[in-house]
Amino acid sequence: MQIKQTADGSPTLYVPELDEHYHSVKGARTESQHVFIDMGLKHVRFAQPRILEIGFGTGLNAYLSLLEANQTGKKIHYTGLEPYPPEQDLLAKLTYNNDPLFQYIHAAGWEIETPIGPYFTLLKKPTGLAESRRTNAGQRYDAVYFDAFAPEKQPEMWEQQNLDHLYAVMNDGGVLTTYCAKGTVRRALRAAGFTVERLPGPPGGKREMIRATKTLI
């Protein structure tokens, strides 16, 4: 993996074998803030939301969620799934305003619920979505950040059975957001039971994104 700077000055990782970046080259932080915080977390109605991230990666989405929790005082429990964690020495070179909170996220152990400040608890799991389907143990979530690599790169992540599973483990009124707005993904989310919206994408980035809601019964 290689560290690459994106257009808004924030770094991301590049995987030469897949010819894929972890975040948009138009702006890593801008994309994550828009897709997962502004269009996702801020639309969660629960007072103490439980978030599930598919594709923990660099920890950027967790970091931005931590900042939001500290700003609003809303207590968040955050579970991040990542079957292929980047090397620690590589992560140590990523900087977001040299904020030590970002380093705390990566210093947290795996499979251990770790409080980071009074409003944020992190659980990192070195596992993928398929394994999580078998070991979920009844956990329920209020928001899902679906941040897997694109369907062309990781088609198995976007299979119907995975989206069906996410619908099943979400609470009524929960929201799933993803940067991908492909028609096949929208149709699969609707088939799972979600109400699907196409929303404007991040500034300077993709034209559209998706927010899917588990409609209240």
N, C-alpha and C. Protein backbone atom coordinates (compact mmCIF):
# COMPACT_ATOMS: atom_id res chain seq x y z
N MET A 1 0.83 -1.21 0.00
CA MET A 1 0.00 0.00 0.00
C MET A 1 0.86 1.25 0.00
N GLN A 2 0.29 2.31 -0.52
CA GLN A 2 1.00 3.59 -0.59
C GLN A 2 0.10 4.70 -0.06
N ILE A 3 0.72 5.69 0.57
CA ILE A 3 -0.02 6.87 1.01
C ILE A 3 -0.09 7.87 -0.14
N LYS A 4 -1.30 8.37 -0.40
CA LYS A 4 -1.51 9.36 -1.45
C LYS A 4 -2.25 10.56 -0.87
N GLN A 5 -1.86 11.76 -1.28
CA GLN A 5 -2.57 12.96 -0.88
C GLN A 5 -3.74 13.18 -1.84
N THR A 6 -4.88 13.61 -1.28
CA THR A 6 -6.05 13.87 -2.11
C THR A 6 -6.26 15.37 -2.25
N ALA A 7 -7.24 15.74 -3.07
CA ALA A 7 -7.37 17.14 -3.48
C ALA A 7 -7.66 18.10 -2.34
N ASP A 8 -8.25 17.61 -1.23
CA ASP A 8 -8.53 18.52 -0.11
C ASP A 8 -7.38 18.55 0.90
N GLY A 9 -6.26 17.90 0.56
CA GLY A 9 -5.09 17.91 1.43
C GLY A 9 -5.02 16.77 2.40
N SER A 10 -6.07 15.96 2.50
CA SER A 10 -6.07 14.83 3.42
C SER A 10 -5.54 13.58 2.72
N PRO A 11 -4.90 12.68 3.48
CA PRO A 11 -4.29 11.50 2.88
C PRO A 11 -5.26 10.33 2.77
N THR A 12 -4.92 9.40 1.88
CA THR A 12 -5.62 8.12 1.79
C THR A 12 -4.60 7.06 1.43
N LEU A 13 -5.05 5.82 1.37
CA LEU A 13 -4.18 4.72 0.97
C LEU A 13 -4.55 4.25 -0.42
N TYR A 14 -3.53 3.82 -1.15
CA TYR A 14 -3.71 3.29 -2.51
C TYR A 14 -3.22 1.86 -2.56
N VAL A 15 -4.02 0.98 -3.17
CA VAL A 15 -3.69 -0.44 -3.29
C VAL A 15 -3.34 -0.73 -4.75
N PRO A 16 -2.06 -0.82 -5.10
CA PRO A 16 -1.69 -1.02 -6.50
C PRO A 16 -2.28 -2.29 -7.11
N GLU A 17 -2.38 -3.36 -6.31
CA GLU A 17 -2.88 -4.63 -6.84
C GLU A 17 -4.32 -4.51 -7.35
N LEU A 18 -5.10 -3.65 -6.71
CA LEU A 18 -6.49 -3.44 -7.12
C LEU A 18 -6.67 -2.17 -7.94
N ASP A 19 -5.61 -1.36 -8.02
CA ASP A 19 -5.70 -0.04 -8.62
C ASP A 19 -6.87 0.72 -8.00
N GLU A 20 -6.89 0.75 -6.67
CA GLU A 20 -8.01 1.32 -5.93
C GLU A 20 -7.52 2.15 -4.75
N HIS A 21 -8.17 3.28 -4.54
CA HIS A 21 -7.90 4.12 -3.38
C HIS A 21 -8.93 3.84 -2.29
N TYR A 22 -8.54 4.01 -1.03
CA TYR A 22 -9.46 3.82 0.07
C TYR A 22 -10.54 4.91 0.08
N HIS A 23 -10.20 6.09 -0.41
CA HIS A 23 -11.15 7.21 -0.42
C HIS A 23 -11.04 7.92 -1.77
N SER A 24 -11.93 8.86 -1.97
CA SER A 24 -11.93 9.63 -3.21
C SER A 24 -10.66 10.47 -3.33
N VAL A 25 -10.05 10.47 -4.51
CA VAL A 25 -8.88 11.32 -4.74
C VAL A 25 -9.29 12.79 -4.82
N LYS A 26 -10.59 13.04 -4.95
CA LYS A 26 -11.10 14.42 -4.95
C LYS A 26 -11.09 15.02 -3.55
N GLY A 27 -10.91 14.17 -2.55
CA GLY A 27 -10.89 14.65 -1.17
C GLY A 27 -11.34 13.57 -0.22
N ALA A 28 -10.38 12.92 0.46
CA ALA A 28 -10.71 11.80 1.34
C ALA A 28 -11.60 12.26 2.50
N ARG A 29 -11.15 13.27 3.21
CA ARG A 29 -11.92 13.73 4.37
C ARG A 29 -13.24 14.35 3.94
N THR A 30 -13.24 15.09 2.85
CA THR A 30 -14.47 15.71 2.35
C THR A 30 -15.52 14.65 2.03
N GLU A 31 -15.10 13.58 1.35
CA GLU A 31 -16.03 12.50 0.99
C GLU A 31 -16.59 11.82 2.24
N SER A 32 -15.71 11.46 3.17
CA SER A 32 -16.17 10.76 4.37
C SER A 32 -17.11 11.62 5.20
N GLN A 33 -16.78 12.89 5.35
CA GLN A 33 -17.63 13.79 6.12
C GLN A 33 -19.02 13.88 5.50
N HIS A 34 -19.07 14.02 4.20
CA HIS A 34 -20.35 14.19 3.51
C HIS A 34 -21.18 12.91 3.52
N VAL A 35 -20.57 11.80 3.10
CA VAL A 35 -21.33 10.55 2.90
C VAL A 35 -21.75 9.93 4.23
N PHE A 36 -20.83 9.87 5.18
CA PHE A 36 -21.10 9.10 6.39
C PHE A 36 -21.54 9.94 7.60
N ILE A 37 -21.09 11.18 7.68
CA ILE A 37 -21.47 12.01 8.81
C ILE A 37 -22.68 12.88 8.45
N ASP A 38 -22.52 13.74 7.44
CA ASP A 38 -23.58 14.69 7.12
C ASP A 38 -24.84 14.00 6.59
N MET A 39 -24.68 13.01 5.72
CA MET A 39 -25.83 12.32 5.13
C MET A 39 -26.24 11.07 5.91
N GLY A 40 -25.39 10.62 6.82
CA GLY A 40 -25.67 9.40 7.58
C GLY A 40 -25.92 9.67 9.04
N LEU A 41 -24.85 9.85 9.80
CA LEU A 41 -24.95 9.98 11.25
C LEU A 41 -25.89 11.10 11.68
N LYS A 42 -25.85 12.22 11.01
CA LYS A 42 -26.69 13.35 11.40
C LYS A 42 -28.17 13.11 11.15
N HIS A 43 -28.50 12.04 10.42
CA HIS A 43 -29.89 11.70 10.15
C HIS A 43 -30.37 10.54 11.01
N VAL A 44 -29.53 10.09 11.94
CA VAL A 44 -29.92 9.03 12.87
C VAL A 44 -30.69 9.66 14.02
N ARG A 45 -31.88 9.13 14.31
CA ARG A 45 -32.75 9.76 15.31
C ARG A 45 -32.49 9.25 16.73
N PHE A 46 -31.65 8.24 16.89
CA PHE A 46 -31.44 7.62 18.19
C PHE A 46 -30.47 8.44 19.04
N ALA A 47 -30.75 8.50 20.35
CA ALA A 47 -29.95 9.33 21.25
C ALA A 47 -28.55 8.77 21.45
N GLN A 48 -28.40 7.44 21.44
CA GLN A 48 -27.11 6.80 21.64
C GLN A 48 -26.91 5.76 20.52
N PRO A 49 -26.59 6.22 19.33
CA PRO A 49 -26.57 5.33 18.18
C PRO A 49 -25.45 4.30 18.21
N ARG A 50 -25.77 3.15 17.70
CA ARG A 50 -24.79 2.09 17.47
C ARG A 50 -24.50 2.05 15.98
N ILE A 51 -23.23 2.23 15.64
CA ILE A 51 -22.81 2.31 14.24
C ILE A 51 -22.01 1.07 13.87
N LEU A 52 -22.27 0.55 12.68
CA LEU A 52 -21.49 -0.54 12.10
C LEU A 52 -20.83 -0.03 10.83
N GLU A 53 -19.51 -0.14 10.77
CA GLU A 53 -18.80 0.23 9.54
C GLU A 53 -18.30 -1.01 8.83
N ILE A 54 -18.62 -1.10 7.55
CA ILE A 54 -18.11 -2.17 6.70
C ILE A 54 -16.92 -1.61 5.93
N GLY A 55 -15.72 -1.98 6.35
CA GLY A 55 -14.51 -1.47 5.73
C GLY A 55 -13.86 -0.39 6.58
N PHE A 56 -13.37 -0.77 7.77
CA PHE A 56 -12.80 0.19 8.71
C PHE A 56 -11.60 0.93 8.12
N GLY A 57 -10.75 0.21 7.39
CA GLY A 57 -9.67 0.82 6.63
C GLY A 57 -8.74 1.69 7.44
N THR A 58 -8.64 2.97 7.09
CA THR A 58 -7.72 3.89 7.75
C THR A 58 -8.28 4.43 9.08
N GLY A 59 -9.54 4.16 9.36
CA GLY A 59 -10.15 4.70 10.57
C GLY A 59 -10.68 6.11 10.42
N LEU A 60 -10.67 6.65 9.20
CA LEU A 60 -11.11 8.03 9.01
C LEU A 60 -12.58 8.22 9.39
N ASN A 61 -13.44 7.28 8.99
CA ASN A 61 -14.87 7.43 9.30
C ASN A 61 -15.10 7.36 10.81
N ALA A 62 -14.36 6.49 11.48
CA ALA A 62 -14.47 6.41 12.94
C ALA A 62 -14.00 7.71 13.58
N TYR A 63 -12.91 8.26 13.09
CA TYR A 63 -12.37 9.52 13.62
C TYR A 63 -13.38 10.66 13.47
N LEU A 64 -13.99 10.78 12.30
CA LEU A 64 -14.97 11.84 12.09
C LEU A 64 -16.21 11.63 12.95
N SER A 65 -16.58 10.37 13.18
CA SER A 65 -17.71 10.09 14.06
C SER A 65 -17.37 10.44 15.51
N LEU A 66 -16.15 10.20 15.90
CA LEU A 66 -15.68 10.59 17.23
C LEU A 66 -15.74 12.10 17.41
N LEU A 67 -15.30 12.84 16.41
CA LEU A 67 -15.38 14.30 16.49
C LEU A 67 -16.82 14.77 16.61
N GLU A 68 -17.71 14.13 15.86
CA GLU A 68 -19.13 14.50 15.92
C GLU A 68 -19.71 14.19 17.30
N ALA A 69 -19.32 13.05 17.87
CA ALA A 69 -19.80 12.70 19.21
C ALA A 69 -19.33 13.73 20.24
N ASN A 70 -18.07 14.13 20.15
CA ASN A 70 -17.54 15.11 21.09
C ASN A 70 -18.23 16.47 20.93
N GLN A 71 -18.58 16.80 19.70
CA GLN A 71 -19.20 18.10 19.45
C GLN A 71 -20.65 18.14 19.93
N THR A 72 -21.37 17.04 19.73
CA THR A 72 -22.80 17.03 20.04
C THR A 72 -23.12 16.48 21.43
N GLY A 73 -22.18 15.73 22.02
CA GLY A 73 -22.45 15.08 23.29
C GLY A 73 -23.30 13.84 23.14
N LYS A 74 -23.50 13.38 21.90
CA LYS A 74 -24.27 12.17 21.65
C LYS A 74 -23.36 10.95 21.79
N LYS A 75 -23.70 10.03 22.69
CA LYS A 75 -22.86 8.86 22.92
C LYS A 75 -23.01 7.86 21.77
N ILE A 76 -21.86 7.44 21.25
CA ILE A 76 -21.82 6.54 20.09
C ILE A 76 -21.07 5.27 20.45
N HIS A 77 -21.64 4.14 20.06
CA HIS A 77 -20.91 2.86 20.10
C HIS A 77 -20.60 2.49 18.66
N TYR A 78 -19.33 2.30 18.36
CA TYR A 78 -18.87 2.17 16.96
C TYR A 78 -18.18 0.82 16.77
N THR A 79 -18.71 0.01 15.85
CA THR A 79 -18.10 -1.27 15.50
C THR A 79 -17.56 -1.18 14.07
N GLY A 80 -16.28 -1.45 13.90
CA GLY A 80 -15.66 -1.42 12.58
C GLY A 80 -15.15 -2.79 12.18
N LEU A 81 -15.58 -3.26 11.00
CA LEU A 81 -15.13 -4.55 10.48
C LEU A 81 -14.01 -4.31 9.46
N GLU A 82 -12.90 -5.00 9.62
CA GLU A 82 -11.79 -4.86 8.69
C GLU A 82 -10.98 -6.17 8.65
N PRO A 83 -11.19 -7.01 7.61
CA PRO A 83 -10.47 -8.28 7.54
C PRO A 83 -8.99 -8.13 7.19
N TYR A 84 -8.62 -7.01 6.59
CA TYR A 84 -7.23 -6.80 6.16
C TYR A 84 -6.72 -5.46 6.68
N PRO A 85 -6.46 -5.36 7.97
CA PRO A 85 -6.02 -4.07 8.53
C PRO A 85 -4.69 -3.63 7.93
N PRO A 86 -4.57 -2.37 7.55
CA PRO A 86 -3.27 -1.85 7.09
C PRO A 86 -2.23 -1.96 8.20
N GLU A 87 -0.97 -2.01 7.79
CA GLU A 87 0.12 -2.11 8.76
C GLU A 87 0.16 -0.86 9.65
N GLN A 88 0.49 -1.08 10.93
CA GLN A 88 0.51 0.02 11.89
C GLN A 88 1.51 1.11 11.51
N ASP A 89 2.66 0.72 10.97
CA ASP A 89 3.66 1.74 10.62
C ASP A 89 3.16 2.63 9.49
N LEU A 90 2.32 2.06 8.61
CA LEU A 90 1.73 2.86 7.54
C LEU A 90 0.66 3.79 8.10
N LEU A 91 -0.17 3.27 8.98
CA LEU A 91 -1.21 4.10 9.58
C LEU A 91 -0.61 5.24 10.40
N ALA A 92 0.55 4.99 11.02
CA ALA A 92 1.19 6.02 11.83
C ALA A 92 1.61 7.23 11.00
N LYS A 93 1.77 7.03 9.70
CA LYS A 93 2.19 8.13 8.83
C LYS A 93 1.01 8.95 8.32
N LEU A 94 -0.21 8.44 8.54
CA LEU A 94 -1.40 9.20 8.15
C LEU A 94 -1.66 10.26 9.21
N THR A 95 -1.89 11.47 8.81
CA THR A 95 -2.15 12.54 9.78
C THR A 95 -3.38 13.32 9.35
N TYR A 96 -4.25 13.59 10.30
CA TYR A 96 -5.41 14.45 10.09
C TYR A 96 -5.32 15.55 11.14
N ASN A 97 -4.71 16.65 10.74
CA ASN A 97 -4.45 17.80 11.62
C ASN A 97 -3.60 17.41 12.83
N ASN A 98 -2.80 16.34 12.70
CA ASN A 98 -1.95 15.86 13.79
C ASN A 98 -2.74 15.66 15.08
N ASP A 99 -3.98 15.24 14.96
CA ASP A 99 -4.86 15.07 16.10
C ASP A 99 -4.55 13.75 16.80
N PRO A 100 -4.20 13.77 18.09
CA PRO A 100 -3.91 12.52 18.81
C PRO A 100 -5.12 11.59 18.89
N LEU A 101 -6.34 12.13 18.75
CA LEU A 101 -7.52 11.26 18.78
C LEU A 101 -7.47 10.23 17.66
N PHE A 102 -6.92 10.62 16.51
CA PHE A 102 -6.80 9.67 15.40
C PHE A 102 -5.84 8.55 15.78
N GLN A 103 -4.78 8.87 16.48
CA GLN A 103 -3.83 7.85 16.90
C GLN A 103 -4.43 6.94 17.97
N TYR A 104 -5.29 7.49 18.83
CA TYR A 104 -5.95 6.67 19.84
C TYR A 104 -6.80 5.59 19.20
N ILE A 105 -7.42 5.92 18.08
CA ILE A 105 -8.25 4.95 17.37
C ILE A 105 -7.43 3.75 16.96
N HIS A 106 -6.21 4.00 16.48
CA HIS A 106 -5.38 2.89 16.01
C HIS A 106 -4.59 2.23 17.14
N ALA A 107 -4.49 2.90 18.27
CA ALA A 107 -3.85 2.28 19.42
C ALA A 107 -4.80 1.32 20.14
N ALA A 108 -6.11 1.47 19.89
CA ALA A 108 -7.08 0.59 20.53
C ALA A 108 -6.88 -0.85 20.06
N GLY A 109 -7.02 -1.79 20.98
CA GLY A 109 -6.87 -3.20 20.63
C GLY A 109 -8.04 -3.72 19.82
N TRP A 110 -7.81 -4.85 19.18
CA TRP A 110 -8.86 -5.50 18.41
C TRP A 110 -9.70 -6.39 19.32
N GLU A 111 -10.98 -6.46 19.03
CA GLU A 111 -11.93 -7.28 19.79
C GLU A 111 -12.07 -6.82 21.24
N ILE A 112 -11.76 -5.55 21.50
CA ILE A 112 -11.87 -4.98 22.85
C ILE A 112 -12.68 -3.69 22.76
N GLU A 113 -13.74 -3.58 23.53
CA GLU A 113 -14.49 -2.34 23.56
C GLU A 113 -13.66 -1.28 24.30
N THR A 114 -13.31 -0.21 23.56
CA THR A 114 -12.38 0.79 24.08
C THR A 114 -13.04 2.16 24.12
N PRO A 115 -13.26 2.73 25.30
CA PRO A 115 -13.76 4.11 25.37
C PRO A 115 -12.67 5.09 24.91
N ILE A 116 -13.05 6.01 24.05
CA ILE A 116 -12.15 7.09 23.65
C ILE A 116 -12.88 8.39 23.99
N GLY A 117 -12.64 8.88 25.21
CA GLY A 117 -13.37 10.02 25.70
C GLY A 117 -14.73 9.59 26.26
N PRO A 118 -15.51 10.56 26.72
CA PRO A 118 -16.77 10.24 27.40
C PRO A 118 -17.93 9.86 26.47
N TYR A 119 -17.79 10.11 25.17
CA TYR A 119 -18.93 9.95 24.27
C TYR A 119 -18.74 8.88 23.19
N PHE A 120 -17.62 8.19 23.17
CA PHE A 120 -17.34 7.31 22.04
C PHE A 120 -16.70 6.02 22.53
N THR A 121 -17.29 4.90 22.14
CA THR A 121 -16.72 3.58 22.44
C THR A 121 -16.48 2.85 21.12
N LEU A 122 -15.28 2.32 20.97
CA LEU A 122 -14.85 1.70 19.72
C LEU A 122 -14.64 0.20 19.91
N LEU A 123 -15.17 -0.57 18.96
CA LEU A 123 -14.91 -2.00 18.89
C LEU A 123 -14.44 -2.33 17.48
N LYS A 124 -13.17 -2.67 17.34
CA LYS A 124 -12.61 -3.05 16.05
C LYS A 124 -12.58 -4.58 15.95
N LYS A 125 -13.06 -5.08 14.82
CA LYS A 125 -13.11 -6.54 14.64
C LYS A 125 -12.37 -6.90 13.35
N PRO A 126 -11.34 -7.76 13.45
CA PRO A 126 -10.56 -8.13 12.25
C PRO A 126 -11.27 -9.21 11.45
N THR A 127 -12.43 -8.87 10.96
CA THR A 127 -13.27 -9.84 10.25
C THR A 127 -14.00 -9.15 9.12
N GLY A 128 -14.50 -9.94 8.19
CA GLY A 128 -15.25 -9.41 7.07
C GLY A 128 -16.74 -9.55 7.27
N LEU A 129 -17.50 -9.07 6.31
CA LEU A 129 -18.96 -9.08 6.42
C LEU A 129 -19.51 -10.49 6.38
N ALA A 130 -18.93 -11.36 5.56
CA ALA A 130 -19.43 -12.73 5.45
C ALA A 130 -19.32 -13.45 6.80
N GLU A 131 -18.18 -13.32 7.45
CA GLU A 131 -18.01 -13.95 8.75
C GLU A 131 -18.91 -13.31 9.78
N SER A 132 -19.11 -12.01 9.69
CA SER A 132 -19.97 -11.32 10.62
C SER A 132 -21.40 -11.83 10.53
N ARG A 133 -21.83 -12.23 9.36
CA ARG A 133 -23.18 -12.78 9.21
C ARG A 133 -23.36 -14.02 10.09
N ARG A 134 -22.29 -14.77 10.28
CA ARG A 134 -22.37 -16.01 11.05
C ARG A 134 -22.18 -15.78 12.55
N THR A 135 -21.58 -14.65 12.92
CA THR A 135 -21.20 -14.46 14.32
C THR A 135 -21.80 -13.20 14.93
N ASN A 136 -22.84 -12.66 14.36
CA ASN A 136 -23.37 -11.38 14.82
C ASN A 136 -23.89 -11.42 16.25
N ALA A 137 -24.40 -12.54 16.67
CA ALA A 137 -24.85 -12.74 18.06
C ALA A 137 -25.90 -11.73 18.50
N GLY A 138 -26.80 -11.39 17.59
CA GLY A 138 -27.94 -10.57 17.97
C GLY A 138 -27.70 -9.09 18.10
N GLN A 139 -26.53 -8.60 17.71
CA GLN A 139 -26.27 -7.16 17.78
C GLN A 139 -27.15 -6.41 16.78
N ARG A 140 -27.62 -5.23 17.19
CA ARG A 140 -28.45 -4.39 16.33
C ARG A 140 -27.79 -3.02 16.18
N TYR A 141 -28.01 -2.40 15.03
CA TYR A 141 -27.34 -1.14 14.72
C TYR A 141 -28.34 -0.10 14.23
N ASP A 142 -27.98 1.16 14.45
CA ASP A 142 -28.82 2.29 14.05
C ASP A 142 -28.30 2.98 12.79
N ALA A 143 -27.04 2.72 12.46
CA ALA A 143 -26.45 3.27 11.24
C ALA A 143 -25.41 2.29 10.72
N VAL A 144 -25.34 2.20 9.41
CA VAL A 144 -24.31 1.38 8.76
C VAL A 144 -23.57 2.27 7.77
N TYR A 145 -22.25 2.30 7.91
CA TYR A 145 -21.40 2.95 6.91
C TYR A 145 -20.90 1.85 5.98
N PHE A 146 -21.43 1.81 4.77
CA PHE A 146 -21.01 0.77 3.83
C PHE A 146 -19.88 1.34 2.97
N ASP A 147 -18.65 1.07 3.39
CA ASP A 147 -17.47 1.69 2.78
C ASP A 147 -16.53 0.64 2.20
N ALA A 148 -17.10 -0.41 1.62
CA ALA A 148 -16.30 -1.41 0.94
C ALA A 148 -15.74 -0.84 -0.36
N PHE A 149 -14.74 -1.52 -0.94
CA PHE A 149 -14.27 -1.13 -2.25
C PHE A 149 -15.41 -1.25 -3.27
N ALA A 150 -15.25 -0.59 -4.39
CA ALA A 150 -16.31 -0.51 -5.40
C ALA A 150 -16.74 -1.90 -5.88
N PRO A 151 -18.00 -2.02 -6.35
CA PRO A 151 -18.49 -3.32 -6.82
C PRO A 151 -17.63 -3.96 -7.90
N GLU A 152 -16.97 -3.15 -8.72
CA GLU A 152 -16.11 -3.73 -9.75
C GLU A 152 -14.86 -4.38 -9.15
N LYS A 153 -14.45 -3.91 -7.98
CA LYS A 153 -13.24 -4.42 -7.34
C LYS A 153 -13.54 -5.53 -6.34
N GLN A 154 -14.66 -5.41 -5.62
CA GLN A 154 -15.05 -6.39 -4.60
C GLN A 154 -16.52 -6.75 -4.77
N PRO A 155 -16.89 -7.42 -5.85
CA PRO A 155 -18.31 -7.70 -6.11
C PRO A 155 -18.97 -8.52 -5.02
N GLU A 156 -18.18 -9.37 -4.34
CA GLU A 156 -18.77 -10.23 -3.31
C GLU A 156 -19.32 -9.42 -2.14
N MET A 157 -18.76 -8.24 -1.89
CA MET A 157 -19.22 -7.43 -0.76
C MET A 157 -20.63 -6.88 -0.98
N TRP A 158 -21.02 -6.73 -2.24
CA TRP A 158 -22.28 -6.09 -2.59
C TRP A 158 -23.36 -7.11 -2.94
N GLU A 159 -23.12 -8.38 -2.63
CA GLU A 159 -24.09 -9.42 -2.95
C GLU A 159 -25.37 -9.24 -2.14
N GLN A 160 -26.46 -9.74 -2.70
CA GLN A 160 -27.77 -9.56 -2.07
C GLN A 160 -27.80 -10.10 -0.64
N GLN A 161 -27.18 -11.23 -0.39
CA GLN A 161 -27.22 -11.82 0.95
C GLN A 161 -26.58 -10.91 2.00
N ASN A 162 -25.57 -10.15 1.61
CA ASN A 162 -24.94 -9.22 2.54
C ASN A 162 -25.87 -8.04 2.86
N LEU A 163 -26.52 -7.51 1.84
CA LEU A 163 -27.43 -6.39 2.07
C LEU A 163 -28.67 -6.85 2.84
N ASP A 164 -29.13 -8.07 2.57
CA ASP A 164 -30.24 -8.63 3.35
C ASP A 164 -29.86 -8.73 4.82
N HIS A 165 -28.63 -9.17 5.06
CA HIS A 165 -28.16 -9.31 6.45
C HIS A 165 -28.11 -7.96 7.14
N LEU A 166 -27.61 -6.94 6.47
CA LEU A 166 -27.53 -5.62 7.08
C LEU A 166 -28.91 -5.08 7.42
N TYR A 167 -29.87 -5.31 6.55
CA TYR A 167 -31.24 -4.89 6.84
C TYR A 167 -31.74 -5.59 8.11
N ALA A 168 -31.43 -6.87 8.23
CA ALA A 168 -31.91 -7.66 9.36
C ALA A 168 -31.32 -7.21 10.69
N VAL A 169 -30.07 -6.72 10.68
CA VAL A 169 -29.41 -6.36 11.95
C VAL A 169 -29.58 -4.88 12.29
N MET A 170 -30.34 -4.14 11.48
CA MET A 170 -30.56 -2.73 11.77
C MET A 170 -31.88 -2.54 12.51
N ASN A 171 -31.90 -1.54 13.38
CA ASN A 171 -33.14 -1.16 14.05
C ASN A 171 -34.04 -0.40 13.09
N ASP A 172 -35.34 -0.44 13.33
CA ASP A 172 -36.28 0.33 12.52
C ASP A 172 -35.92 1.81 12.59
N GLY A 173 -35.88 2.44 11.44
CA GLY A 173 -35.49 3.84 11.37
C GLY A 173 -34.01 4.05 11.17
N GLY A 174 -33.24 2.97 11.17
CA GLY A 174 -31.80 3.07 10.95
C GLY A 174 -31.47 3.43 9.51
N VAL A 175 -30.28 3.99 9.31
CA VAL A 175 -29.87 4.42 7.97
C VAL A 175 -28.55 3.79 7.57
N LEU A 176 -28.46 3.45 6.29
CA LEU A 176 -27.23 2.96 5.67
C LEU A 176 -26.83 3.96 4.61
N THR A 177 -25.56 4.37 4.62
CA THR A 177 -25.08 5.26 3.58
C THR A 177 -23.87 4.64 2.88
N THR A 178 -23.75 4.96 1.59
CA THR A 178 -22.63 4.51 0.80
C THR A 178 -22.37 5.51 -0.31
N TYR A 179 -21.11 5.58 -0.71
CA TYR A 179 -20.72 6.49 -1.79
C TYR A 179 -21.21 5.99 -3.14
N CYS A 180 -21.53 4.70 -3.25
CA CYS A 180 -21.88 4.08 -4.53
C CYS A 180 -23.35 4.30 -4.83
N ALA A 181 -23.66 4.77 -6.04
CA ALA A 181 -25.05 5.04 -6.42
C ALA A 181 -25.46 4.24 -7.65
N LYS A 182 -24.77 3.13 -7.92
CA LYS A 182 -25.09 2.32 -9.10
C LYS A 182 -26.51 1.77 -9.02
N GLY A 183 -27.13 1.65 -10.17
CA GLY A 183 -28.49 1.13 -10.23
C GLY A 183 -28.61 -0.26 -9.64
N THR A 184 -27.61 -1.10 -9.87
CA THR A 184 -27.66 -2.46 -9.32
C THR A 184 -27.66 -2.44 -7.80
N VAL A 185 -26.93 -1.51 -7.22
CA VAL A 185 -26.87 -1.41 -5.76
C VAL A 185 -28.19 -0.87 -5.23
N ARG A 186 -28.76 0.11 -5.87
CA ARG A 186 -30.06 0.65 -5.44
C ARG A 186 -31.13 -0.44 -5.47
N ARG A 187 -31.14 -1.21 -6.55
CA ARG A 187 -32.16 -2.27 -6.67
C ARG A 187 -31.96 -3.35 -5.62
N ALA A 188 -30.70 -3.69 -5.33
CA ALA A 188 -30.43 -4.72 -4.32
C ALA A 188 -30.85 -4.23 -2.93
N LEU A 189 -30.62 -2.96 -2.63
CA LEU A 189 -31.04 -2.41 -1.34
C LEU A 189 -32.56 -2.40 -1.23
N ARG A 190 -33.25 -2.04 -2.31
CA ARG A 190 -34.72 -2.09 -2.27
C ARG A 190 -35.21 -3.52 -2.09
N ALA A 191 -34.56 -4.47 -2.75
CA ALA A 191 -34.95 -5.86 -2.61
C ALA A 191 -34.77 -6.35 -1.17
N ALA A 192 -33.79 -5.79 -0.48
CA ALA A 192 -33.56 -6.16 0.92
C ALA A 192 -34.63 -5.58 1.84
N GLY A 193 -35.33 -4.54 1.38
CA GLY A 193 -36.40 -3.94 2.18
C GLY A 193 -36.21 -2.46 2.48
N PHE A 194 -35.08 -1.90 2.10
CA PHE A 194 -34.79 -0.50 2.39
C PHE A 194 -35.61 0.46 1.52
N THR A 195 -35.85 1.64 2.06
CA THR A 195 -36.30 2.78 1.26
C THR A 195 -35.05 3.53 0.83
N VAL A 196 -34.87 3.72 -0.47
CA VAL A 196 -33.60 4.18 -1.01
C VAL A 196 -33.74 5.58 -1.60
N GLU A 197 -32.79 6.44 -1.24
CA GLU A 197 -32.71 7.79 -1.78
C GLU A 197 -31.39 7.99 -2.51
N ARG A 198 -31.46 8.65 -3.64
CA ARG A 198 -30.24 9.14 -4.29
C ARG A 198 -30.04 10.58 -3.86
N LEU A 199 -28.87 10.87 -3.31
CA LEU A 199 -28.56 12.20 -2.79
C LEU A 199 -27.35 12.77 -3.53
N PRO A 200 -27.18 14.09 -3.48
CA PRO A 200 -25.98 14.67 -4.08
C PRO A 200 -24.72 14.12 -3.42
N GLY A 201 -23.72 13.86 -4.24
CA GLY A 201 -22.45 13.37 -3.74
C GLY A 201 -21.64 14.48 -3.10
N PRO A 202 -20.44 14.16 -2.61
CA PRO A 202 -19.61 15.16 -1.93
C PRO A 202 -19.12 16.24 -2.88
N PRO A 203 -18.85 17.43 -2.36
CA PRO A 203 -18.35 18.52 -3.19
C PRO A 203 -17.11 18.10 -3.98
N GLY A 204 -17.17 18.29 -5.29
CA GLY A 204 -16.04 17.97 -6.15
C GLY A 204 -15.86 16.50 -6.44
N GLY A 205 -16.71 15.65 -5.86
CA GLY A 205 -16.57 14.21 -6.02
C GLY A 205 -17.65 13.61 -6.89
N LYS A 206 -18.08 12.40 -6.55
CA LYS A 206 -19.10 11.72 -7.32
C LYS A 206 -20.41 12.51 -7.29
N ARG A 207 -21.14 12.42 -8.40
CA ARG A 207 -22.35 13.23 -8.54
C ARG A 207 -23.44 12.81 -7.56
N GLU A 208 -23.53 11.49 -7.27
CA GLU A 208 -24.59 11.00 -6.40
C GLU A 208 -24.06 9.99 -5.39
N MET A 209 -24.82 9.79 -4.34
CA MET A 209 -24.56 8.76 -3.33
C MET A 209 -25.92 8.17 -2.94
N ILE A 210 -25.90 7.20 -2.02
CA ILE A 210 -27.13 6.54 -1.59
C ILE A 210 -27.29 6.65 -0.08
N ARG A 211 -28.54 6.94 0.33
CA ARG A 211 -28.95 6.72 1.71
C ARG A 211 -30.14 5.76 1.70
N ALA A 212 -30.02 4.68 2.44
CA ALA A 212 -31.08 3.67 2.52
C ALA A 212 -31.58 3.62 3.96
N THR A 213 -32.89 3.66 4.13
CA THR A 213 -33.49 3.69 5.46
C THR A 213 -34.34 2.44 5.69
N LYS A 214 -34.19 1.86 6.86
CA LYS A 214 -35.07 0.76 7.27
C LYS A 214 -36.34 1.41 7.81
N THR A 215 -37.37 1.41 7.01
CA THR A 215 -38.58 2.15 7.29
C THR A 215 -39.24 1.68 8.57
N LEU A 216 -39.72 2.62 9.35
CA LEU A 216 -40.41 2.30 10.59
C LEU A 216 -41.64 1.45 10.33
N ILE A 217 -41.84 0.46 11.15
CA ILE A 217 -43.01 -0.41 11.03
C ILE A 217 -44.19 0.23 11.77
